[in-house]
Amino acid sequence: MKKWMLGSLLALWAGVAGAALPTHSFTLDNGLKVLVREDHRAPVVTVMVWFKAGSIDEAPYETGLAHVLEHMMFKGTERLGPGDFSKLVARYGGLSNAFTSYDYTGYYQQYEVSRLPLALELEADRLANLKIEDEEFHRELQVVLEERRMRTDDSPTALAWEKFQAIARPGTGYAHPVIGWRSLLAQLQPEQARSWFQRFYVPGNATLVIAGDVTREQVEPLVERFFAELPAGHTPPRPRQTINPPAGERRLDLALPVKVPTLFMMYNVPSLVTAEDKRDFYALTMLAGVLDGGMSARIETDLVRGQKLVAGAGASYSGIQRGNGTFTIQAAPNPGVTLDQVEAGLREQIEKLQTTLPSEAEMARVRAGVLASQVYEKDSVMGQAMELGTLSTLGLDLDLSERFAEELSKVTAEDVQRVAQEWLVPERLAVGHVQPEQGEEK
């Protein structure tokens, strides 16, 4: 990348960081944490409620429960019948949805800013008065089972990834799918959902994020009005996550009705939450970019265009998680190339990083690409609300993005080599080979 382009991108990032949008934080007496982000570019508002409860918190016999409860949050309260929540949102020109991850569950509404009181009233109502009727629960459970069938059971690629995850993250809550194992999901009962709601869906375990054309002075009285009287509740303690010891190299060979073979490689590495040395997070971010950060990255240059081993491949680092992070490589071979050859080629790339320092040109290119993507993510109100909710729920500093450029600039080529040597090692690696079933196209 030309130096002037890099300079422009860094200047752009510096401008965004330097003109950080006002963010306010306060906590109600019942423990509800409230974050307000002012962005007055358009008369819109996003309201999100985040709960420190995801599939990582499920017991082994209740996989999928967090996601099922997410569905039930739209199925009625003492005041609203099933589906009325979504109808009201649509009637007033809004959008609403929810998501369940391993680390948290979140709910959001988006409106023209004058509908803020409606959004807050709807969220407070279902937090205080949710009804989980037996009949409605069993009906919705069938919807979730069908969702699992469509997204996973009938998708060979998704099924392969699910099976790979089970060996790639052993002994953790990340080893089972968010949607749950089918056999256990089918046996969930309404009282389990009620217990989950009572344990985790309390103000003291939640963060309310309000982002858009608002001020704290406008928002705080409304939040007090709708949420202050809710009881704090008691939430079970969540164990502090730490670095897991190496599990040893694990391998999985699958034959599924896929069209092309696929290679998965995943290393168990620190996240920003679990890293003893926080510099590892930024160095691993840079490491992923050196391998796969555009047309000039090593995978594209050496394996796609050079040796022509793979039709496509990618490397990524997931480091914003409550537990350990993952460094993942996925590749599809060119015709006539075996998965063993692709794996050998990728291992060679990692060994080069462990023995040879990345060049200054590589480091500059990766920094520019990473920082540019950060700028784009901050462009929408929804993106800002997502960032704030994620950071707050994981216990990370809210000004992380403002410090990101500075921290990334401190990463040296020696840091990248060090984390490659320390973390991208066989005893932290899981490898999956997915081949078409006999008779399928190869």
Protein backbone atom coordinates (compact mmCIF):
# COMPACT_ATOMS: atom_id res chain seq x y z
CA MET A 1 0.00 0.00 0.00
CA LYS A 2 1.36 3.44 -0.86
CA LYS A 3 2.60 5.52 2.06
CA TRP A 4 0.23 8.36 1.28
CA MET A 5 -2.73 6.00 1.44
CA LEU A 6 -1.59 4.62 4.78
CA GLY A 7 -1.15 8.15 6.08
CA SER A 8 -4.65 9.11 4.96
CA LEU A 9 -6.21 6.13 6.70
CA LEU A 10 -4.31 6.75 9.91
CA ALA A 11 -5.32 10.40 9.81
CA LEU A 12 -8.93 9.38 9.29
CA TRP A 13 -8.77 7.07 12.29
CA ALA A 14 -7.11 9.75 14.41
CA GLY A 15 -9.87 12.18 13.46
CA VAL A 16 -12.60 9.75 14.47
CA ALA A 17 -10.88 8.89 17.73
CA GLY A 18 -10.11 12.50 18.54
CA ALA A 19 -13.72 13.55 17.92
CA ALA A 20 -15.13 10.71 20.01
CA LEU A 21 -18.88 10.97 20.39
CA PRO A 22 -20.10 11.73 23.92
CA THR A 23 -20.80 8.61 25.96
CA HIS A 24 -22.47 8.68 29.37
CA SER A 25 -22.76 5.94 31.95
CA PHE A 26 -24.90 5.64 35.07
CA THR A 27 -26.34 2.82 37.16
CA LEU A 28 -29.76 2.60 38.78
CA ASP A 29 -30.16 1.54 42.40
CA ASN A 30 -31.37 -1.88 41.23
CA GLY A 31 -28.08 -2.48 39.41
CA LEU A 32 -29.18 -1.75 35.84
CA LYS A 33 -26.21 -0.26 33.98
CA VAL A 34 -27.14 2.38 31.41
CA LEU A 35 -24.95 3.64 28.56
CA VAL A 36 -25.95 6.64 26.44
CA ARG A 37 -24.11 7.44 23.19
CA GLU A 38 -24.88 10.80 21.58
CA ASP A 39 -24.85 10.82 17.78
CA HIS A 40 -26.88 13.71 16.39
CA ARG A 41 -26.27 13.10 12.68
CA ALA A 42 -29.81 11.77 12.13
CA PRO A 43 -33.06 11.78 14.18
CA VAL A 44 -32.91 8.06 15.01
CA VAL A 45 -32.33 5.97 18.11
CA THR A 46 -31.28 2.41 18.86
CA VAL A 47 -32.25 0.83 22.18
CA MET A 48 -30.53 -2.39 23.23
CA VAL A 49 -30.76 -4.54 26.35
CA TRP A 50 -27.86 -6.93 26.97
CA PHE A 51 -27.87 -9.79 29.48
CA LYS A 52 -24.80 -11.58 30.82
CA ALA A 53 -26.30 -14.91 29.85
CA GLY A 54 -25.40 -16.93 26.79
CA SER A 55 -25.03 -20.54 25.83
CA ILE A 56 -21.71 -20.71 27.68
CA ASP A 57 -23.80 -20.51 30.88
CA GLU A 58 -25.95 -23.54 30.03
CA ALA A 59 -25.61 -26.80 31.87
CA PRO A 60 -24.69 -29.77 29.63
CA TYR A 61 -28.26 -31.08 29.76
CA GLU A 62 -29.91 -27.78 28.73
CA THR A 63 -28.05 -26.77 25.58
CA GLY A 64 -30.07 -24.35 23.49
CA LEU A 65 -32.00 -22.94 26.46
CA ALA A 66 -30.58 -19.40 26.18
CA HIS A 67 -31.71 -19.20 22.56
CA VAL A 68 -35.16 -20.62 23.27
CA LEU A 69 -35.67 -18.03 26.00
CA GLU A 70 -34.74 -15.34 23.47
CA HIS A 71 -37.68 -16.51 21.35
CA MET A 72 -40.02 -16.51 24.36
CA MET A 73 -39.25 -12.84 25.06
CA PHE A 74 -41.49 -12.01 22.09
CA LYS A 75 -44.37 -14.29 23.18
CA GLY A 76 -46.27 -12.12 25.59
CA THR A 77 -46.44 -10.42 28.96
CA GLU A 78 -49.21 -9.67 31.46
CA ARG A 79 -50.16 -6.77 29.19
CA LEU A 80 -49.31 -8.02 25.69
CA GLY A 81 -50.29 -11.21 23.91
CA PRO A 82 -48.05 -13.39 21.74
CA GLY A 83 -46.67 -11.36 18.84
CA ASP A 84 -48.05 -8.02 20.11
CA PHE A 85 -44.55 -6.71 20.90
CA SER A 86 -43.43 -6.99 17.28
CA LYS A 87 -46.73 -5.62 15.99
CA LEU A 88 -46.42 -2.50 18.14
CA VAL A 89 -42.86 -1.91 17.01
CA ALA A 90 -43.88 -2.22 13.35
CA ARG A 91 -46.96 0.00 13.83
CA TYR A 92 -44.73 2.86 14.97
CA GLY A 93 -42.20 2.42 12.19
CA GLY A 94 -39.57 0.54 14.13
CA LEU A 95 -37.50 -2.57 13.75
CA SER A 96 -36.82 -5.12 16.48
CA ASN A 97 -34.93 -8.37 16.83
CA ALA A 98 -32.59 -10.26 19.14
CA PHE A 99 -29.51 -12.46 19.11
CA THR A 100 -28.01 -15.14 21.33
CA SER A 101 -24.29 -15.80 21.43
CA TYR A 102 -22.04 -17.88 23.62
CA ASP A 103 -21.29 -14.91 25.89
CA TYR A 104 -24.50 -12.87 26.05
CA THR A 105 -28.04 -12.35 24.76
CA GLY A 106 -29.14 -9.02 23.32
CA TYR A 107 -32.40 -7.37 22.23
CA TYR A 108 -32.75 -4.25 20.13
CA GLN A 109 -35.27 -1.78 18.75
CA GLN A 110 -34.63 0.95 16.18
CA TYR A 111 -36.92 3.96 15.67
CA GLU A 112 -37.30 7.57 14.77
CA VAL A 113 -36.10 9.26 17.95
CA SER A 114 -39.53 10.42 19.21
CA ARG A 115 -40.43 6.74 19.84
CA LEU A 116 -37.79 6.35 22.56
CA PRO A 117 -40.38 6.22 25.38
CA LEU A 118 -42.22 3.41 23.60
CA ALA A 119 -39.02 1.41 23.21
CA LEU A 120 -38.14 1.75 26.88
CA GLU A 121 -41.66 0.91 28.04
CA LEU A 122 -41.75 -2.24 25.90
CA GLU A 123 -38.38 -3.45 27.22
CA ALA A 124 -39.27 -2.72 30.84
CA ASP A 125 -42.62 -4.50 30.46
CA ARG A 126 -41.19 -7.77 29.25
CA LEU A 127 -38.41 -7.64 31.83
CA ALA A 128 -40.98 -7.22 34.60
CA ASN A 129 -43.98 -9.16 33.30
CA LEU A 130 -42.87 -11.87 30.87
CA LYS A 131 -45.30 -14.82 30.64
CA ILE A 132 -44.04 -18.23 29.58
CA GLU A 133 -47.13 -20.32 28.94
CA ASP A 134 -46.65 -24.07 28.56
CA GLU A 135 -48.52 -24.31 25.27
CA GLU A 136 -46.76 -21.31 23.76
CA PHE A 137 -43.37 -22.66 24.89
CA HIS A 138 -43.87 -26.04 23.22
CA ARG A 139 -45.13 -24.36 20.07
CA GLU A 140 -42.08 -22.08 19.89
CA LEU A 141 -39.74 -24.98 20.66
CA GLN A 142 -40.90 -26.58 17.42
CA VAL A 143 -39.99 -23.35 15.61
CA VAL A 144 -36.48 -23.52 17.06
CA LEU A 145 -36.13 -27.19 16.13
CA GLU A 146 -37.10 -26.32 12.57
CA GLU A 147 -34.57 -23.47 12.62
CA ARG A 148 -31.91 -25.95 13.65
CA ARG A 149 -32.94 -28.34 10.88
CA MET A 150 -32.76 -25.65 8.19
CA ARG A 151 -29.53 -23.98 9.34
CA THR A 152 -27.53 -26.96 10.54
CA ASP A 153 -28.94 -30.44 10.09
CA ASP A 154 -29.71 -29.92 6.39
CA SER A 155 -26.52 -27.93 5.74
CA PRO A 156 -23.47 -30.20 5.42
CA THR A 157 -21.05 -27.31 5.79
CA ALA A 158 -22.73 -26.00 8.95
CA LEU A 159 -22.94 -29.53 10.34
CA ALA A 160 -19.24 -30.04 9.71
CA TRP A 161 -18.39 -26.81 11.51
CA GLU A 162 -20.56 -27.79 14.48
CA LYS A 163 -18.81 -31.14 14.81
CA PHE A 164 -15.42 -29.48 14.46
CA GLN A 165 -16.22 -26.92 17.18
CA ALA A 166 -16.92 -29.77 19.59
CA ILE A 167 -13.31 -30.98 19.38
CA ALA A 168 -11.74 -27.58 18.82
CA ARG A 169 -12.82 -26.08 22.15
CA PRO A 170 -12.92 -29.03 24.56
CA GLY A 171 -13.97 -28.65 28.16
CA THR A 172 -15.61 -25.26 27.61
CA GLY A 173 -19.10 -23.91 27.04
CA TYR A 174 -18.05 -23.12 23.47
CA ALA A 175 -17.93 -26.80 22.54
CA HIS A 176 -21.69 -27.10 22.04
CA PRO A 177 -23.68 -25.10 19.48
CA VAL A 178 -25.61 -22.01 20.55
CA ILE A 179 -28.80 -23.50 19.16
CA GLY A 180 -28.18 -26.68 21.17
CA TRP A 181 -27.83 -30.38 20.41
CA ARG A 182 -31.05 -31.60 18.79
CA SER A 183 -31.70 -34.47 21.21
CA LEU A 184 -31.40 -32.22 24.26
CA LEU A 185 -33.14 -29.24 22.66
CA ALA A 186 -36.21 -31.36 21.97
CA GLN A 187 -36.52 -32.24 25.67
CA LEU A 188 -36.49 -28.70 27.09
CA GLN A 189 -39.43 -27.83 29.32
CA PRO A 190 -41.20 -24.53 30.16
CA GLU A 191 -40.02 -24.57 33.78
CA GLN A 192 -36.41 -24.55 32.58
CA ALA A 193 -37.08 -21.37 30.57
CA ARG A 194 -38.80 -19.76 33.57
CA SER A 195 -35.82 -20.62 35.76
CA TRP A 196 -33.39 -19.17 33.21
CA PHE A 197 -35.42 -15.96 33.05
CA GLN A 198 -35.59 -15.63 36.83
CA ARG A 199 -31.87 -16.26 37.26
CA PHE A 200 -30.40 -14.12 34.53
CA TYR A 201 -32.99 -11.60 33.32
CA VAL A 202 -32.72 -9.15 36.19
CA PRO A 203 -31.59 -5.51 36.18
CA GLY A 204 -28.40 -6.30 38.07
CA ASN A 205 -27.34 -8.60 35.22
CA ALA A 206 -28.24 -6.26 32.37
CA THR A 207 -26.90 -3.30 30.42
CA LEU A 208 -29.24 -0.87 28.68
CA VAL A 209 -27.66 0.90 25.71
CA ILE A 210 -29.31 3.92 24.10
CA ALA A 211 -27.55 5.39 21.07
CA GLY A 212 -28.62 8.08 18.65
CA ASP A 213 -30.04 11.61 18.60
CA VAL A 214 -30.40 11.80 22.39
CA THR A 215 -28.79 13.38 25.45
CA ARG A 216 -28.30 12.05 28.96
CA GLU A 217 -30.62 14.76 30.28
CA GLN A 218 -33.34 13.50 27.95
CA VAL A 219 -32.76 9.82 28.60
CA GLU A 220 -32.15 9.50 32.34
CA PRO A 221 -35.66 10.50 33.54
CA LEU A 222 -37.23 8.07 31.08
CA VAL A 223 -35.01 5.23 32.22
CA GLU A 224 -35.84 6.01 35.86
CA ARG A 225 -39.54 6.10 35.04
CA PHE A 226 -39.68 2.69 33.38
CA PHE A 227 -36.90 0.68 35.07
CA ALA A 228 -36.18 2.07 38.55
CA GLU A 229 -38.93 0.10 40.32
CA LEU A 230 -37.83 -3.29 38.99
CA PRO A 231 -36.26 -5.49 41.70
CA ALA A 232 -32.52 -6.09 41.30
CA GLY A 233 -32.78 -9.87 41.57
CA HIS A 234 -29.99 -12.33 42.32
CA THR A 235 -27.80 -13.78 39.58
CA PRO A 236 -25.61 -16.87 39.99
CA PRO A 237 -21.90 -16.05 39.90
CA ARG A 238 -20.15 -16.47 36.57
CA PRO A 239 -16.70 -18.00 37.01
CA ARG A 240 -13.81 -15.85 35.84
CA GLN A 241 -12.38 -17.15 32.59
CA THR A 242 -8.65 -17.85 32.38
CA ILE A 243 -6.21 -19.26 29.83
CA ASN A 244 -6.93 -22.94 29.29
CA PRO A 245 -3.95 -25.30 29.32
CA PRO A 246 -3.09 -26.95 25.97
CA ALA A 247 -5.48 -29.78 25.17
CA GLY A 248 -3.11 -31.53 22.76
CA GLU A 249 -3.50 -31.69 18.99
CA ARG A 250 -6.90 -32.98 17.95
CA ARG A 251 -7.98 -34.24 14.51
CA LEU A 252 -11.35 -34.89 12.93
CA ASP A 253 -12.05 -36.57 9.59
CA LEU A 254 -15.56 -36.26 8.22
CA ALA A 255 -17.30 -37.54 5.10
CA LEU A 256 -20.42 -35.48 4.39
CA PRO A 257 -22.50 -34.61 1.30
CA VAL A 258 -20.46 -31.46 0.62
CA LYS A 259 -19.50 -30.43 -2.91
CA VAL A 260 -15.85 -29.62 -2.24
CA PRO A 261 -13.37 -30.66 0.46
CA THR A 262 -12.65 -28.19 3.25
CA LEU A 263 -9.86 -27.84 5.78
CA PHE A 264 -10.39 -26.34 9.23
CA MET A 265 -7.53 -25.38 11.56
CA MET A 266 -8.19 -23.72 14.91
CA TYR A 267 -5.73 -22.70 17.61
CA ASN A 268 -6.88 -21.99 21.19
CA VAL A 269 -5.37 -18.58 22.00
CA PRO A 270 -6.01 -15.80 24.52
CA SER A 271 -8.80 -13.27 24.11
CA LEU A 272 -8.57 -9.69 25.31
CA VAL A 273 -10.46 -10.81 28.42
CA THR A 274 -8.23 -13.78 29.29
CA ALA A 275 -4.81 -12.61 28.05
CA GLU A 276 -2.32 -12.10 30.85
CA ASP A 277 -0.41 -9.78 28.52
CA LYS A 278 -2.96 -7.58 26.72
CA ARG A 279 -0.40 -6.92 23.97
CA ASP A 280 -1.08 -10.46 22.74
CA PHE A 281 -4.56 -9.40 21.60
CA TYR A 282 -3.17 -6.69 19.31
CA ALA A 283 -0.29 -8.85 18.10
CA LEU A 284 -2.65 -11.71 17.21
CA THR A 285 -4.85 -9.21 15.34
CA MET A 286 -1.84 -8.16 13.30
CA LEU A 287 -0.79 -11.79 12.78
CA ALA A 288 -4.16 -12.63 11.22
CA GLY A 289 -3.75 -9.68 8.84
CA VAL A 290 -0.28 -10.76 7.77
CA LEU A 291 -1.69 -14.14 6.75
CA ASP A 292 -4.99 -12.96 5.33
CA GLY A 293 -5.40 -9.23 4.92
CA GLY A 294 -6.13 -8.68 1.25
CA MET A 295 -4.52 -9.43 -2.09
CA SER A 296 -1.02 -8.76 -0.76
CA ALA A 297 -1.32 -11.07 2.25
CA ARG A 298 0.71 -14.27 2.45
CA ILE A 299 -2.09 -16.78 1.93
CA GLU A 300 -3.31 -15.02 -1.20
CA THR A 301 0.19 -14.40 -2.53
CA ASP A 302 1.79 -17.76 -1.77
CA LEU A 303 -1.00 -20.35 -1.68
CA VAL A 304 -3.69 -18.96 -4.00
CA ARG A 305 -1.70 -17.24 -6.76
CA GLY A 306 1.75 -18.73 -6.14
CA GLN A 307 1.58 -22.46 -5.47
CA LYS A 308 -2.10 -22.59 -6.55
CA LEU A 309 -2.86 -25.00 -3.70
CA VAL A 310 -6.17 -23.44 -2.70
CA ALA A 311 -9.13 -21.95 -4.48
CA GLY A 312 -9.80 -19.86 -1.41
CA ALA A 313 -8.59 -19.58 2.17
CA GLY A 314 -8.86 -17.24 5.11
CA ALA A 315 -7.39 -16.64 8.55
CA SER A 316 -9.14 -14.82 11.38
CA TYR A 317 -8.63 -14.06 15.04
CA SER A 318 -11.65 -13.89 17.35
CA GLY A 319 -10.38 -12.12 20.44
CA ILE A 320 -13.43 -10.30 21.84
CA GLN A 321 -14.91 -13.16 23.84
CA ARG A 322 -15.58 -13.86 27.50
CA GLY A 323 -13.47 -17.01 27.37
CA ASN A 324 -10.40 -17.77 25.32
CA GLY A 325 -10.12 -16.61 21.75
CA THR A 326 -9.58 -18.61 18.59
CA PHE A 327 -7.24 -18.26 15.65
CA THR A 328 -8.92 -20.00 12.72
CA ILE A 329 -7.79 -20.92 9.22
CA GLN A 330 -10.16 -22.35 6.64
CA ALA A 331 -9.30 -23.43 3.11
CA ALA A 332 -10.72 -25.20 0.07
CA PRO A 333 -8.18 -26.94 -2.21
CA ASN A 334 -7.91 -26.56 -5.94
CA PRO A 335 -8.92 -29.64 -7.99
CA GLY A 336 -6.30 -32.35 -7.76
CA VAL A 337 -4.84 -30.99 -4.50
CA THR A 338 -5.35 -33.01 -1.32
CA LEU A 339 -6.26 -31.62 2.09
CA ASP A 340 -2.98 -33.00 3.40
CA GLN A 341 -1.11 -30.84 0.88
CA VAL A 342 -3.14 -27.77 1.85
CA GLU A 343 -2.53 -28.40 5.53
CA ALA A 344 1.20 -28.77 4.91
CA GLY A 345 1.23 -25.50 2.97
CA LEU A 346 -0.56 -23.63 5.76
CA ARG A 347 1.70 -25.09 8.44
CA GLU A 348 4.66 -23.91 6.38
CA GLN A 349 3.25 -20.37 6.37
CA ILE A 350 2.94 -20.45 10.16
CA GLU A 351 6.48 -21.78 10.53
CA LYS A 352 7.77 -18.90 8.38
CA LEU A 353 6.10 -16.44 10.73
CA GLN A 354 7.69 -18.19 13.70
CA THR A 355 11.18 -18.00 12.21
CA THR A 356 11.18 -14.88 10.03
CA LEU A 357 10.04 -11.40 11.02
CA PRO A 358 7.24 -9.79 8.95
CA SER A 359 8.49 -6.91 6.84
CA GLU A 360 7.76 -3.28 7.66
CA ALA A 361 5.65 -3.08 4.50
CA GLU A 362 3.50 -5.97 5.72
CA MET A 363 3.07 -4.39 9.13
CA ALA A 364 2.06 -1.04 7.62
CA ARG A 365 -0.41 -2.67 5.25
CA VAL A 366 -2.09 -4.64 8.01
CA ARG A 367 -2.38 -1.66 10.36
CA ALA A 368 -4.05 0.38 7.64
CA GLY A 369 -6.54 -2.37 6.82
CA VAL A 370 -7.47 -3.07 10.44
CA LEU A 371 -7.90 0.59 11.29
CA ALA A 372 -9.99 1.25 8.19
CA SER A 373 -12.40 -1.54 9.15
CA GLN A 374 -12.71 -0.04 12.63
CA VAL A 375 -13.67 3.31 11.15
CA TYR A 376 -16.38 1.76 8.98
CA GLU A 377 -17.85 -0.15 11.92
CA LYS A 378 -18.34 3.10 13.85
CA ASP A 379 -20.35 4.68 11.05
CA SER A 380 -23.82 3.48 12.12
CA VAL A 381 -25.73 4.07 15.34
CA MET A 382 -26.45 0.36 15.51
CA GLY A 383 -22.74 -0.42 15.18
CA GLN A 384 -21.93 1.94 18.04
CA ALA A 385 -24.61 0.40 20.26
CA MET A 386 -23.30 -3.08 19.47
CA GLU A 387 -19.77 -2.05 20.38
CA LEU A 388 -20.81 -0.48 23.69
CA GLY A 389 -23.00 -3.42 24.66
CA THR A 390 -20.34 -5.98 23.83
CA LEU A 391 -17.59 -4.19 25.74
CA SER A 392 -19.76 -3.55 28.78
CA THR A 393 -21.10 -7.09 28.96
CA LEU A 394 -17.61 -8.58 28.70
CA GLY A 395 -16.23 -6.20 31.32
CA LEU A 396 -13.91 -4.38 28.91
CA ASP A 397 -13.11 -0.66 28.81
CA LEU A 398 -15.66 1.38 26.88
CA ASP A 399 -12.91 3.50 25.35
CA LEU A 400 -11.27 0.48 23.73
CA SER A 401 -11.88 1.71 20.19
CA GLU A 402 -10.46 5.14 21.03
CA ARG A 403 -7.24 3.48 22.21
CA PHE A 404 -7.16 0.83 19.50
CA ALA A 405 -5.04 2.74 17.00
CA GLU A 406 -2.49 3.67 19.64
CA GLU A 407 -2.20 0.09 20.91
CA LEU A 408 -1.96 -1.31 17.38
CA SER A 409 0.81 1.13 16.53
CA LYS A 410 2.89 -0.31 19.36
CA VAL A 411 2.87 -3.83 17.88
CA THR A 412 6.25 -4.71 16.40
CA ALA A 413 7.28 -7.42 13.98
CA GLU A 414 8.94 -9.11 16.97
CA ASP A 415 5.57 -9.15 18.79
CA VAL A 416 3.92 -10.86 15.83
CA GLN A 417 6.65 -13.47 15.70
CA ARG A 418 6.46 -13.98 19.48
CA VAL A 419 2.71 -14.73 19.55
CA ALA A 420 3.08 -17.04 16.56
CA GLN A 421 5.77 -18.97 18.44
CA GLU A 422 3.84 -19.01 21.73
CA TRP A 423 0.28 -19.69 20.64
CA LEU A 424 0.23 -21.23 17.13
CA VAL A 425 1.65 -24.54 18.34
CA PRO A 426 0.44 -28.12 17.70
CA GLU A 427 -0.68 -28.74 21.29
CA ARG A 428 -3.20 -25.88 20.92
CA LEU A 429 -4.40 -26.96 17.47
CA ALA A 430 -7.47 -28.78 16.20
CA VAL A 431 -7.57 -29.89 12.54
CA GLY A 432 -10.64 -30.93 10.59
CA HIS A 433 -10.68 -32.57 7.16
CA VAL A 434 -14.11 -32.55 5.52
CA GLN A 435 -14.38 -34.71 2.42
CA PRO A 436 -17.33 -35.32 0.08
CA GLU A 437 -19.01 -38.65 0.63
CA GLN A 438 -18.16 -41.35 -1.88
CA GLY A 439 -20.11 -40.68 -5.02
CA GLU A 440 -20.13 -36.93 -4.45
CA GLU A 441 -18.21 -34.52 -6.65
CA LYS A 442 -14.52 -34.26 -5.73
